[in-house]
């Protein structure tokens, strides 16, 4: 039986490399699943039959409003809001 004498720093280095490799593989799997499972292209959000916002899918509704110039003050008066998937500009 051959015993490798790599020392403490060798074991620490191998452990860090293995941990980093596993984390990178898991992140790659998550990014691949997100790309395949979320719809691609733009979606339209219609608010009160008067304002239409085009945005990328996958985000939350409240995080979409500040990027499109829609203020939170306008949210208090919304009566109905719906999501129309599959329509592109």
PDB file of N, CA and C in Angstrom:
ATOM      1  N   UNK A   1       0.843  -1.175   0.000  1.00  0.00           N
ATOM      2  CA  UNK A   1       0.000   0.000   0.000  1.00  0.00           C
ATOM      3  C   UNK A   1       0.887   1.236   0.000  1.00  0.00           C
ATOM      4  N   UNK A   2       0.582   2.166  -0.877  1.00  0.00           N
ATOM      5  CA  UNK A   2       1.366   3.392  -0.979  1.00  0.00           C
ATOM      6  C   UNK A   2       0.632   4.490  -0.228  1.00  0.00           C
ATOM      7  N   UNK A   3       1.331   5.108   0.678  1.00  0.00           N
ATOM      8  CA  UNK A   3       0.783   6.219   1.447  1.00  0.00           C
ATOM      9  C   UNK A   3       1.316   7.513   0.853  1.00  0.00           C
ATOM     10  N   UNK A   4       0.418   8.381   0.456  1.00  0.00           N
ATOM     11  CA  UNK A   4       0.829   9.659  -0.112  1.00  0.00           C
ATOM     12  C   UNK A   4       1.105  10.634   1.017  1.00  0.00           C
ATOM     13  N   UNK A   5       2.259  11.215   0.974  1.00  0.00           N
ATOM     14  CA  UNK A   5       2.634  12.179   2.001  1.00  0.00           C
ATOM     15  C   UNK A   5       2.464  13.582   1.423  1.00  0.00           C
ATOM     16  N   UNK A   6       1.224  14.051   1.447  1.00  0.00           N
ATOM     17  CA  UNK A   6       0.957  15.375   0.887  1.00  0.00           C
ATOM     18  C   UNK A   6       0.849  16.430   1.970  1.00  0.00           C
ATOM     19  N   UNK A   7       0.763  16.041   3.185  1.00  0.00           N
ATOM     20  CA  UNK A   7       0.742  16.992   4.277  1.00  0.00           C
ATOM     21  C   UNK A   7      -0.620  17.627   4.484  1.00  0.00           C
ATOM     22  N   UNK A   8      -0.672  18.472   5.493  1.00  0.00           N
ATOM     23  CA  UNK A   8      -1.916  19.121   5.870  1.00  0.00           C
ATOM     24  C   UNK A   8      -2.390  20.093   4.800  1.00  0.00           C
ATOM     25  N   UNK A   9      -1.480  20.899   4.214  1.00  0.00           N
ATOM     26  CA  UNK A   9      -1.877  21.888   3.218  1.00  0.00           C
ATOM     27  C   UNK A   9      -2.336  21.227   1.930  1.00  0.00           C
ATOM     28  N   UNK A  10      -1.816  20.073   1.630  1.00  0.00           N
ATOM     29  CA  UNK A  10      -2.271  19.334   0.456  1.00  0.00           C
ATOM     30  C   UNK A  10      -3.705  18.848   0.627  1.00  0.00           C
ATOM     31  N   UNK A  11      -4.010  18.368   1.830  1.00  0.00           N
ATOM     32  CA  UNK A  11      -5.375  17.914   2.118  1.00  0.00           C
ATOM     33  C   UNK A  11      -6.342  19.091   2.087  1.00  0.00           C
ATOM     34  N   UNK A  12      -5.936  20.218   2.657  1.00  0.00           N
ATOM     35  CA  UNK A  12      -6.785  21.416   2.656  1.00  0.00           C
ATOM     36  C   UNK A  12      -7.007  21.884   1.212  1.00  0.00           C
ATOM     37  N   UNK A  13      -5.971  21.885   0.402  1.00  0.00           N
ATOM     38  CA  UNK A  13      -6.091  22.319  -0.991  1.00  0.00           C
ATOM     39  C   UNK A  13      -7.015  21.411  -1.797  1.00  0.00           C
ATOM     40  N   UNK A  14      -6.877  20.110  -1.610  1.00  0.00           N
ATOM     41  CA  UNK A  14      -7.744  19.157  -2.312  1.00  0.00           C
ATOM     42  C   UNK A  14      -9.187  19.317  -1.854  1.00  0.00           C
ATOM     43  N   UNK A  15      -9.400  19.554  -0.563  1.00  0.00           N
ATOM     44  CA  UNK A  15     -10.760  19.737  -0.039  1.00  0.00           C
ATOM     45  C   UNK A  15     -11.402  20.996  -0.618  1.00  0.00           C
ATOM     46  N   UNK A  16     -10.631  22.084  -0.677  1.00  0.00           N
ATOM     47  CA  UNK A  16     -11.165  23.332  -1.236  1.00  0.00           C
ATOM     48  C   UNK A  16     -11.471  23.154  -2.722  1.00  0.00           C
ATOM     49  N   UNK A  17     -10.602  22.484  -3.446  1.00  0.00           N
ATOM     50  CA  UNK A  17     -10.829  22.269  -4.881  1.00  0.00           C
ATOM     51  C   UNK A  17     -12.067  21.394  -5.120  1.00  0.00           C
ATOM     52  N   UNK A  18     -12.247  20.360  -4.311  1.00  0.00           N
ATOM     53  CA  UNK A  18     -13.410  19.488  -4.458  1.00  0.00           C
ATOM     54  C   UNK A  18     -14.695  20.251  -4.131  1.00  0.00           C
ATOM     55  N   UNK A  19     -14.680  21.028  -3.060  1.00  0.00           N
ATOM     56  CA  UNK A  19     -15.858  21.820  -2.680  1.00  0.00           C
ATOM     57  C   UNK A  19     -16.201  22.819  -3.770  1.00  0.00           C
ATOM     58  N   UNK A  20     -15.199  23.520  -4.303  1.00  0.00           N
ATOM     59  CA  UNK A  20     -15.416  24.493  -5.357  1.00  0.00           C
ATOM     60  C   UNK A  20     -15.952  23.826  -6.624  1.00  0.00           C
ATOM     61  N   UNK A  21     -15.422  22.671  -6.955  1.00  0.00           N
ATOM     62  CA  UNK A  21     -15.894  21.936  -8.131  1.00  0.00           C
ATOM     63  C   UNK A  21     -17.356  21.525  -7.994  1.00  0.00           C
ATOM     64  N   UNK A  22     -17.750  21.030  -6.820  1.00  0.00           N
ATOM     65  CA  UNK A  22     -19.139  20.624  -6.596  1.00  0.00           C
ATOM     66  C   UNK A  22     -20.066  21.831  -6.686  1.00  0.00           C
ATOM     67  N   UNK A  23     -19.673  22.942  -6.087  1.00  0.00           N
ATOM     68  CA  UNK A  23     -20.497  24.154  -6.121  1.00  0.00           C
ATOM     69  C   UNK A  23     -20.662  24.647  -7.559  1.00  0.00           C
ATOM     70  N   UNK A  24     -19.598  24.643  -8.349  1.00  0.00           N
ATOM     71  CA  UNK A  24     -19.681  25.101  -9.737  1.00  0.00           C
ATOM     72  C   UNK A  24     -20.574  24.191 -10.575  1.00  0.00           C
ATOM     73  N   UNK A  25     -20.527  22.893 -10.335  1.00  0.00           N
ATOM     74  CA  UNK A  25     -21.411  21.965 -11.058  1.00  0.00           C
ATOM     75  C   UNK A  25     -22.869  22.225 -10.689  1.00  0.00           C
ATOM     76  N   UNK A  26     -23.156  22.444  -9.413  1.00  0.00           N
ATOM     77  CA  UNK A  26     -24.538  22.717  -8.985  1.00  0.00           C
ATOM     78  C   UNK A  26     -25.054  24.039  -9.551  1.00  0.00           C
ATOM     79  N   UNK A  27     -24.223  25.068  -9.570  1.00  0.00           N
ATOM     80  CA  UNK A  27     -24.627  26.350 -10.148  1.00  0.00           C
ATOM     81  C   UNK A  27     -24.896  26.197 -11.640  1.00  0.00           C
ATOM     82  N   UNK A  28     -24.063  25.439 -12.322  1.00  0.00           N
ATOM     83  CA  UNK A  28     -24.289  25.181 -13.745  1.00  0.00           C
ATOM     84  C   UNK A  28     -25.600  24.455 -13.996  1.00  0.00           C
ATOM     85  N   UNK A  29     -25.930  23.495 -13.140  1.00  0.00           N
ATOM     86  CA  UNK A  29     -27.204  22.775 -13.275  1.00  0.00           C
ATOM     87  C   UNK A  29     -28.385  23.716 -13.058  1.00  0.00           C
ATOM     88  N   UNK A  30     -28.291  24.612 -12.078  1.00  0.00           N
ATOM     89  CA  UNK A  30     -29.374  25.566 -11.829  1.00  0.00           C
ATOM     90  C   UNK A  30     -29.553  26.533 -13.000  1.00  0.00           C
ATOM     91  N   UNK A  31     -28.472  27.038 -13.548  1.00  0.00           N
ATOM     92  CA  UNK A  31     -28.564  27.951 -14.688  1.00  0.00           C
ATOM     93  C   UNK A  31     -29.148  27.258 -15.919  1.00  0.00           C
ATOM     94  N   UNK A  32     -28.772  26.015 -16.141  1.00  0.00           N
ATOM     95  CA  UNK A  32     -29.309  25.253 -17.258  1.00  0.00           C
ATOM     96  C   UNK A  32     -30.806  25.016 -17.077  1.00  0.00           C
ATOM     97  N   UNK A  33     -31.225  24.650 -15.865  1.00  0.00           N
ATOM     98  CA  UNK A  33     -32.646  24.411 -15.601  1.00  0.00           C
ATOM     99  C   UNK A  33     -33.449  25.702 -15.743  1.00  0.00           C
ATOM    100  N   UNK A  34     -32.894  26.810 -15.292  1.00  0.00           N
ATOM    101  CA  UNK A  34     -33.607  28.093 -15.410  1.00  0.00           C
ATOM    102  C   UNK A  34     -33.803  28.465 -16.880  1.00  0.00           C
ATOM    103  N   UNK A  35     -32.778  28.250 -17.686  1.00  0.00           N
ATOM    104  CA  UNK A  35     -32.881  28.581 -19.107  1.00  0.00           C
ATOM    105  C   UNK A  35     -33.921  27.710 -19.799  1.00  0.00           C
ATOM    106  N   UNK A  36     -34.015  26.446 -19.432  1.00  0.00           N
ATOM    107  CA  UNK A  36     -34.958  25.539 -20.089  1.00  0.00           C
ATOM    108  C   UNK A  36     -36.382  25.682 -19.565  1.00  0.00           C
ATOM    109  N   UNK A  37     -36.565  26.095 -18.314  1.00  0.00           N
ATOM    110  CA  UNK A  37     -37.892  26.102 -17.705  1.00  0.00           C
ATOM    111  C   UNK A  37     -38.604  27.450 -17.762  1.00  0.00           C
ATOM    112  N   UNK A  38     -37.874  28.547 -17.887  1.00  0.00           N
ATOM    113  CA  UNK A  38     -38.540  29.849 -17.960  1.00  0.00           C
ATOM    114  C   UNK A  38     -38.784  30.205 -19.417  1.00  0.00           C
ATOM    115  N   UNK A  39     -39.887  30.889 -19.701  1.00  0.00           N
ATOM    116  CA  UNK A  39     -40.164  31.282 -21.079  1.00  0.00           C
ATOM    117  C   UNK A  39     -39.143  32.309 -21.570  1.00  0.00           C
ATOM    118  N   UNK A  40     -38.860  32.260 -22.859  1.00  0.00           N
ATOM    119  CA  UNK A  40     -37.887  33.175 -23.451  1.00  0.00           C
ATOM    120  C   UNK A  40     -38.615  34.314 -24.153  1.00  0.00           C
ATOM    121  N   UNK A  41     -37.992  35.462 -24.231  1.00  0.00           N
ATOM    122  CA  UNK A  41     -38.569  36.616 -24.902  1.00  0.00           C
ATOM    123  C   UNK A  41     -39.222  37.572 -23.927  1.00  0.00           C
ATOM    124  N   UNK A  42     -39.924  38.532 -24.471  1.00  0.00           N
ATOM    125  CA  UNK A  42     -40.590  39.549 -23.654  1.00  0.00           C
ATOM    126  C   UNK A  42     -42.022  39.117 -23.338  1.00  0.00           C
ATOM    127  N   UNK A  43     -42.530  39.580 -22.190  1.00  0.00           N
ATOM    128  CA  UNK A  43     -43.932  39.377 -21.827  1.00  0.00           C
ATOM    129  C   UNK A  43     -44.567  40.746 -21.598  1.00  0.00           C
ATOM    130  N   UNK A  44     -45.877  40.808 -21.777  1.00  0.00           N
ATOM    131  CA  UNK A  44     -46.609  42.061 -21.572  1.00  0.00           C
ATOM    132  C   UNK A  44     -47.465  41.934 -20.323  1.00  0.00           C
ATOM    133  N   UNK A  45     -47.443  42.979 -19.480  1.00  0.00           N
ATOM    134  CA  UNK A  45     -48.282  43.059 -18.289  1.00  0.00           C
ATOM    135  C   UNK A  45     -49.223  44.239 -18.507  1.00  0.00           C
ATOM    136  N   UNK A  46     -50.531  43.978 -18.462  1.00  0.00           N
ATOM    137  CA  UNK A  46     -51.527  45.025 -18.671  1.00  0.00           C
ATOM    138  C   UNK A  46     -52.120  45.421 -17.329  1.00  0.00           C
ATOM    139  N   UNK A  47     -52.123  46.719 -17.041  1.00  0.00           N
ATOM    140  CA  UNK A  47     -52.628  47.230 -15.767  1.00  0.00           C
ATOM    141  C   UNK A  47     -53.805  48.144 -16.040  1.00  0.00           C
ATOM    142  N   UNK A  48     -54.957  47.802 -15.501  1.00  0.00           N
ATOM    143  CA  UNK A  48     -56.180  48.612 -15.593  1.00  0.00           C
ATOM    144  C   UNK A  48     -56.572  48.960 -17.027  1.00  0.00           C
ATOM    145  N   UNK A  49     -56.286  48.105 -17.959  1.00  0.00           N
ATOM    146  CA  UNK A  49     -56.616  48.327 -19.369  1.00  0.00           C
ATOM    147  C   UNK A  49     -56.050  49.630 -19.936  1.00  0.00           C
ATOM    148  N   UNK A  50     -55.071  50.222 -19.275  1.00  0.00           N
ATOM    149  CA  UNK A  50     -54.548  51.496 -19.775  1.00  0.00           C
ATOM    150  C   UNK A  50     -53.039  51.517 -19.901  1.00  0.00           C
ATOM    151  N   UNK A  51     -52.327  50.770 -19.091  1.00  0.00           N
ATOM    152  CA  UNK A  51     -50.868  50.795 -19.147  1.00  0.00           C
ATOM    153  C   UNK A  51     -50.351  49.391 -19.426  1.00  0.00           C
ATOM    154  N   UNK A  52     -49.463  49.281 -20.399  1.00  0.00           N
ATOM    155  CA  UNK A  52     -48.866  47.999 -20.767  1.00  0.00           C
ATOM    156  C   UNK A  52     -47.369  48.098 -20.513  1.00  0.00           C
ATOM    157  N   UNK A  53     -46.847  47.134 -19.779  1.00  0.00           N
ATOM    158  CA  UNK A  53     -45.420  47.084 -19.469  1.00  0.00           C
ATOM    159  C   UNK A  53     -44.840  45.848 -20.146  1.00  0.00           C
ATOM    160  N   UNK A  54     -43.748  46.019 -20.879  1.00  0.00           N
ATOM    161  CA  UNK A  54     -43.033  44.885 -21.460  1.00  0.00           C
ATOM    162  C   UNK A  54     -41.784  44.637 -20.645  1.00  0.00           C
ATOM    163  N   UNK A  55     -41.585  43.378 -20.262  1.00  0.00           N
ATOM    164  CA  UNK A  55     -40.446  43.033 -19.421  1.00  0.00           C
ATOM    165  C   UNK A  55     -40.005  41.605 -19.700  1.00  0.00           C
ATOM    166  N   UNK A  56     -38.867  41.251 -19.147  1.00  0.00           N
ATOM    167  CA  UNK A  56     -38.376  39.881 -19.245  1.00  0.00           C
ATOM    168  C   UNK A  56     -39.125  39.000 -18.246  1.00  0.00           C
ATOM    169  N   UNK A  57     -39.428  37.759 -18.591  1.00  0.00           N
ATOM    170  CA  UNK A  57     -40.115  36.874 -17.649  1.00  0.00           C
ATOM    171  C   UNK A  57     -39.169  36.369 -16.567  1.00  0.00           C
ATOM    172  N   UNK A  58     -39.743  35.905 -15.480  1.00  0.00           N
ATOM    173  CA  UNK A  58     -38.948  35.291 -14.422  1.00  0.00           C
ATOM    174  C   UNK A  58     -38.782  36.149 -13.189  1.00  0.00           C
ATOM    175  N   UNK A  59     -39.019  37.445 -13.289  1.00  0.00           N
ATOM    176  CA  UNK A  59     -38.901  38.323 -12.130  1.00  0.00           C
ATOM    177  C   UNK A  59     -40.223  38.439 -11.401  1.00  0.00           C
ATOM    178  N   UNK A  60     -40.180  39.024 -10.224  1.00  0.00           N
ATOM    179  CA  UNK A  60     -41.417  39.251  -9.489  1.00  0.00           C
ATOM    180  C   UNK A  60     -42.086  40.520 -10.007  1.00  0.00           C
ATOM    181  N   UNK A  61     -43.365  40.631  -9.762  1.00  0.00           N
ATOM    182  CA  UNK A  61     -44.123  41.774 -10.249  1.00  0.00           C
ATOM    183  C   UNK A  61     -43.652  43.072  -9.602  1.00  0.00           C
ATOM    184  N   UNK A  62     -43.407  43.045  -8.301  1.00  0.00           N
ATOM    185  CA  UNK A  62     -42.985  44.266  -7.612  1.00  0.00           C
ATOM    186  C   UNK A  62     -41.568  44.692  -7.975  1.00  0.00           C
ATOM    187  N   UNK A  63     -40.722  43.754  -8.369  1.00  0.00           N
ATOM    188  CA  UNK A  63     -39.381  44.157  -8.805  1.00  0.00           C
ATOM    189  C   UNK A  63     -39.392  44.667 -10.238  1.00  0.00           C
ATOM    190  N   UNK A  64     -40.451  44.385 -10.990  1.00  0.00           N
ATOM    191  CA  UNK A  64     -40.564  44.858 -12.366  1.00  0.00           C
ATOM    192  C   UNK A  64     -40.970  46.325 -12.420  1.00  0.00           C
ATOM    193  N   UNK A  65     -41.804  46.765 -11.503  1.00  0.00           N
ATOM    194  CA  UNK A  65     -42.336  48.127 -11.551  1.00  0.00           C
ATOM    195  C   UNK A  65     -41.272  49.223 -11.490  1.00  0.00           C
ATOM    196  N   UNK A  66     -40.304  49.195 -10.594  1.00  0.00           N
ATOM    197  CA  UNK A  66     -39.319  50.297 -10.568  1.00  0.00           C
ATOM    198  C   UNK A  66     -38.475  50.398 -11.835  1.00  0.00           C
ATOM    199  N   UNK A  67     -38.208  49.290 -12.506  1.00  0.00           N
ATOM    200  CA  UNK A  67     -37.375  49.337 -13.709  1.00  0.00           C
ATOM    201  C   UNK A  67     -38.125  49.890 -14.906  1.00  0.00           C
ATOM    202  N   UNK A  68     -39.461  49.941 -14.842  1.00  0.00           N
ATOM    203  CA  UNK A  68     -40.254  50.448 -15.963  1.00  0.00           C
ATOM    204  C   UNK A  68     -40.817  51.838 -15.698  1.00  0.00           C
ATOM    205  N   UNK A  69     -40.476  52.443 -14.573  1.00  0.00           N
ATOM    206  CA  UNK A  69     -40.956  53.773 -14.258  1.00  0.00           C
ATOM    207  C   UNK A  69     -42.325  53.799 -13.606  1.00  0.00           C
ATOM    208  N   UNK A  70     -42.844  52.652 -13.242  1.00  0.00           N
ATOM    209  CA  UNK A  70     -44.154  52.563 -12.598  1.00  0.00           C
ATOM    210  C   UNK A  70     -43.940  52.707 -11.097  1.00  0.00           C
ATOM    211  N   UNK A  71     -44.489  53.754 -10.487  1.00  0.00           N
ATOM    212  CA  UNK A  71     -44.229  54.025  -9.075  1.00  0.00           C
ATOM    213  C   UNK A  71     -45.176  53.243  -8.182  1.00  0.00           C
ATOM    214  N   UNK A  72     -44.775  53.063  -6.935  1.00  0.00           N
ATOM    215  CA  UNK A  72     -45.611  52.332  -5.987  1.00  0.00           C
ATOM    216  C   UNK A  72     -46.863  53.122  -5.617  1.00  0.00           C
ATOM    217  N   UNK A  73     -46.856  54.456  -5.846  1.00  0.00           N
ATOM    218  CA  UNK A  73     -48.041  55.268  -5.575  1.00  0.00           C
ATOM    219  C   UNK A  73     -49.213  54.847  -6.460  1.00  0.00           C
ATOM    220  N   UNK A  74     -48.908  54.420  -7.686  1.00  0.00           N
ATOM    221  CA  UNK A  74     -49.960  54.011  -8.617  1.00  0.00           C
ATOM    222  C   UNK A  74     -50.567  52.660  -8.238  1.00  0.00           C
ATOM    223  N   UNK A  75     -49.892  51.890  -7.420  1.00  0.00           N
ATOM    224  CA  UNK A  75     -50.373  50.549  -7.096  1.00  0.00           C
ATOM    225  C   UNK A  75     -51.622  50.554  -6.226  1.00  0.00           C
ATOM    226  N   UNK A  76     -51.868  51.608  -5.463  1.00  0.00           N
ATOM    227  CA  UNK A  76     -53.003  51.594  -4.548  1.00  0.00           C
ATOM    228  C   UNK A  76     -54.330  51.592  -5.290  1.00  0.00           C
ATOM    229  N   UNK A  77     -54.342  52.030  -6.564  1.00  0.00           N
ATOM    230  CA  UNK A  77     -55.602  52.136  -7.270  1.00  0.00           C
ATOM    231  C   UNK A  77     -55.826  51.048  -8.314  1.00  0.00           C
ATOM    232  N   UNK A  78     -54.970  50.042  -8.358  1.00  0.00           N
ATOM    233  CA  UNK A  78     -55.134  49.009  -9.376  1.00  0.00           C
ATOM    234  C   UNK A  78     -56.326  48.127  -9.054  1.00  0.00           C
ATOM    235  N   UNK A  79     -57.165  47.909 -10.021  1.00  0.00           N
ATOM    236  CA  UNK A  79     -58.366  47.099  -9.856  1.00  0.00           C
ATOM    237  C   UNK A  79     -58.124  45.672 -10.301  1.00  0.00           C
ATOM    238  N   UNK A  80     -57.528  45.496 -11.438  1.00  0.00           N
ATOM    239  CA  UNK A  80     -57.228  44.158 -11.935  1.00  0.00           C
ATOM    240  C   UNK A  80     -55.936  44.203 -12.725  1.00  0.00           C
ATOM    241  N   UNK A  81     -55.259  43.111 -12.690  1.00  0.00           N
ATOM    242  CA  UNK A  81     -53.946  43.015 -13.298  1.00  0.00           C
ATOM    243  C   UNK A  81     -53.817  41.610 -13.855  1.00  0.00           C
ATOM    244  N   UNK A  82     -53.407  41.463 -15.080  1.00  0.00           N
ATOM    245  CA  UNK A  82     -53.222  40.120 -15.598  1.00  0.00           C
ATOM    246  C   UNK A  82     -51.961  40.020 -16.426  1.00  0.00           C
ATOM    247  N   UNK A  83     -51.555  38.812 -16.587  1.00  0.00           N
ATOM    248  CA  UNK A  83     -50.289  38.475 -17.232  1.00  0.00           C
ATOM    249  C   UNK A  83     -50.621  37.801 -18.557  1.00  0.00           C
ATOM    250  N   UNK A  84     -50.055  38.287 -19.647  1.00  0.00           N
ATOM    251  CA  UNK A  84     -50.318  37.727 -20.970  1.00  0.00           C
ATOM    252  C   UNK A  84     -49.035  37.090 -21.479  1.00  0.00           C
ATOM    253  N   UNK A  85     -48.897  35.765 -21.337  1.00  0.00           N
ATOM    254  CA  UNK A  85     -47.655  35.114 -21.792  1.00  0.00           C
ATOM    255  C   UNK A  85     -47.653  34.922 -23.297  1.00  0.00           C
ATOM    256  N   UNK A  86     -46.467  34.822 -23.850  1.00  0.00           N
ATOM    257  CA  UNK A  86     -46.316  34.453 -25.236  1.00  0.00           C
ATOM    258  C   UNK A  86     -46.494  35.565 -26.244  1.00  0.00           C
ATOM    259  N   UNK A  87     -46.705  36.789 -25.810  1.00  0.00           N
ATOM    260  CA  UNK A  87     -46.828  37.888 -26.758  1.00  0.00           C
ATOM    261  C   UNK A  87     -45.508  38.641 -26.804  1.00  0.00           C
ATOM    262  N   UNK A  88     -44.968  38.767 -27.982  1.00  0.00           N
ATOM    263  CA  UNK A  88     -43.710  39.490 -28.104  1.00  0.00           C
ATOM    264  C   UNK A  88     -43.939  40.777 -28.891  1.00  0.00           C
ATOM    265  N   UNK A  89     -43.006  41.671 -28.711  1.00  0.00           N
ATOM    266  CA  UNK A  89     -43.155  42.990 -29.366  1.00  0.00           C
ATOM    267  C   UNK A  89     -42.747  42.936 -30.816  1.00  0.00           C
TER     268      UNK A  89
END
